[in-house]
Amino acid sequence: MKWAMLTLLLLSLSLVACGDAGGGDPAVDTEKAVKAATIADAIAANPAGMDAILEKHGMTLEEFEALILEVTEDPELSDVYVGARKVATPE
């Protein structure tokens, strides 16, 4: 169940990012988006290892979901996230 929720969050982030070119605010902390992309790539490559991956990055599932939602709500962070993903996201 938690993998299905996470997949929906990641898919929605990809769709939101595709719809906005971003404004280029230099004050945006892009490290959050890069961290989210790094964790998402690791989970996509090894879904069964999600708990260990989150622990390695010092996050709980709830914290990761909150990070993904924060990135989703910011068009610039969404663009950074999509650009930082190494594993293709479903379209």
Protein backbone atom coordinates (compact mmCIF):
# COMPACT_ATOMS: atom_id res chain seq x y z
CA MET A 1 0.00 0.00 0.00
CA LYS A 2 2.72 2.48 0.91
CA TRP A 3 4.52 1.74 -2.39
CA ALA A 4 1.30 2.53 -4.30
CA MET A 5 0.90 5.85 -2.47
CA LEU A 6 4.51 6.75 -3.12
CA THR A 7 4.18 5.86 -6.81
CA LEU A 8 1.15 8.14 -7.11
CA LEU A 9 3.03 10.99 -5.43
CA LEU A 10 6.01 10.59 -7.74
CA LEU A 11 3.79 10.40 -10.82
CA SER A 12 1.86 13.51 -9.80
CA LEU A 13 5.14 15.36 -9.27
CA SER A 14 6.27 14.45 -12.78
CA LEU A 15 3.00 15.65 -14.27
CA VAL A 16 3.04 18.94 -12.34
CA ALA A 17 6.60 19.66 -13.40
CA CYS A 18 5.75 19.15 -17.06
CA GLY A 19 3.15 21.88 -16.92
CA ASP A 20 5.29 24.83 -15.78
CA ALA A 21 8.47 26.41 -17.10
CA GLY A 22 9.38 28.00 -13.75
CA GLY A 23 10.35 31.56 -12.95
CA GLY A 24 13.98 31.11 -11.99
CA ASP A 25 13.89 32.27 -8.36
CA PRO A 26 17.51 32.07 -7.17
CA ALA A 27 16.41 31.89 -3.53
CA VAL A 28 14.86 28.43 -4.00
CA ASP A 29 16.73 25.67 -2.15
CA THR A 30 17.22 23.17 -4.96
CA GLU A 31 19.00 20.68 -2.67
CA LYS A 32 15.58 19.49 -1.50
CA ALA A 33 14.56 18.59 -5.05
CA VAL A 34 17.86 16.85 -5.75
CA LYS A 35 17.57 14.86 -2.51
CA ALA A 36 14.02 13.85 -3.38
CA ALA A 37 15.12 12.77 -6.87
CA THR A 38 18.05 10.77 -5.50
CA ILE A 39 15.82 8.90 -3.06
CA ALA A 40 13.10 8.38 -5.67
CA ASP A 41 15.63 6.92 -8.11
CA ALA A 42 16.93 4.52 -5.48
CA ILE A 43 13.40 3.40 -4.60
CA ALA A 44 12.45 3.02 -8.26
CA ALA A 45 15.49 0.82 -8.81
CA ASN A 46 14.79 -1.28 -5.69
CA PRO A 47 11.19 -0.96 -4.46
CA ALA A 48 11.61 -3.81 -1.98
CA GLY A 49 14.44 -1.92 -0.32
CA MET A 50 12.45 1.26 0.25
CA ASP A 51 12.65 1.15 4.06
CA ALA A 52 16.44 0.68 3.99
CA ILE A 53 16.84 3.43 1.39
CA LEU A 54 14.83 5.88 3.45
CA GLU A 55 16.80 4.94 6.57
CA LYS A 56 20.08 5.46 4.69
CA HIS A 57 18.94 8.99 3.84
CA GLY A 58 17.76 9.64 7.40
CA MET A 59 14.08 9.86 6.50
CA THR A 60 10.85 8.13 7.39
CA LEU A 61 8.23 7.42 4.74
CA GLU A 62 6.14 10.28 6.12
CA GLU A 63 9.08 12.70 5.88
CA PHE A 64 9.81 11.61 2.31
CA GLU A 65 6.16 12.02 1.34
CA ALA A 66 6.20 15.52 2.86
CA LEU A 67 9.37 16.34 0.91
CA ILE A 68 7.80 15.12 -2.33
CA LEU A 69 4.68 17.21 -1.66
CA GLU A 70 6.81 20.29 -0.92
CA VAL A 71 8.69 19.83 -4.19
CA THR A 72 5.41 19.23 -6.05
CA GLU A 73 3.96 22.52 -4.83
CA ASP A 74 6.90 24.58 -6.11
CA PRO A 75 7.20 24.77 -9.92
CA GLU A 76 10.93 25.50 -9.85
CA LEU A 77 11.66 22.67 -7.43
CA SER A 78 9.54 20.40 -9.62
CA ASP A 79 11.66 21.28 -12.64
CA VAL A 80 14.86 20.61 -10.69
CA TYR A 81 13.44 17.28 -9.46
CA VAL A 82 12.54 16.09 -12.95
CA GLY A 83 15.94 17.16 -14.27
CA ALA A 84 17.73 15.36 -11.46
CA ARG A 85 15.92 12.04 -11.92
CA LYS A 86 18.13 9.35 -13.42
CA VAL A 87 15.43 6.68 -13.60
CA ALA A 88 12.66 7.41 -16.09
CA THR A 89 9.35 8.31 -14.49
CA PRO A 90 6.12 6.85 -15.94
CA GLU A 91 4.14 9.15 -18.19
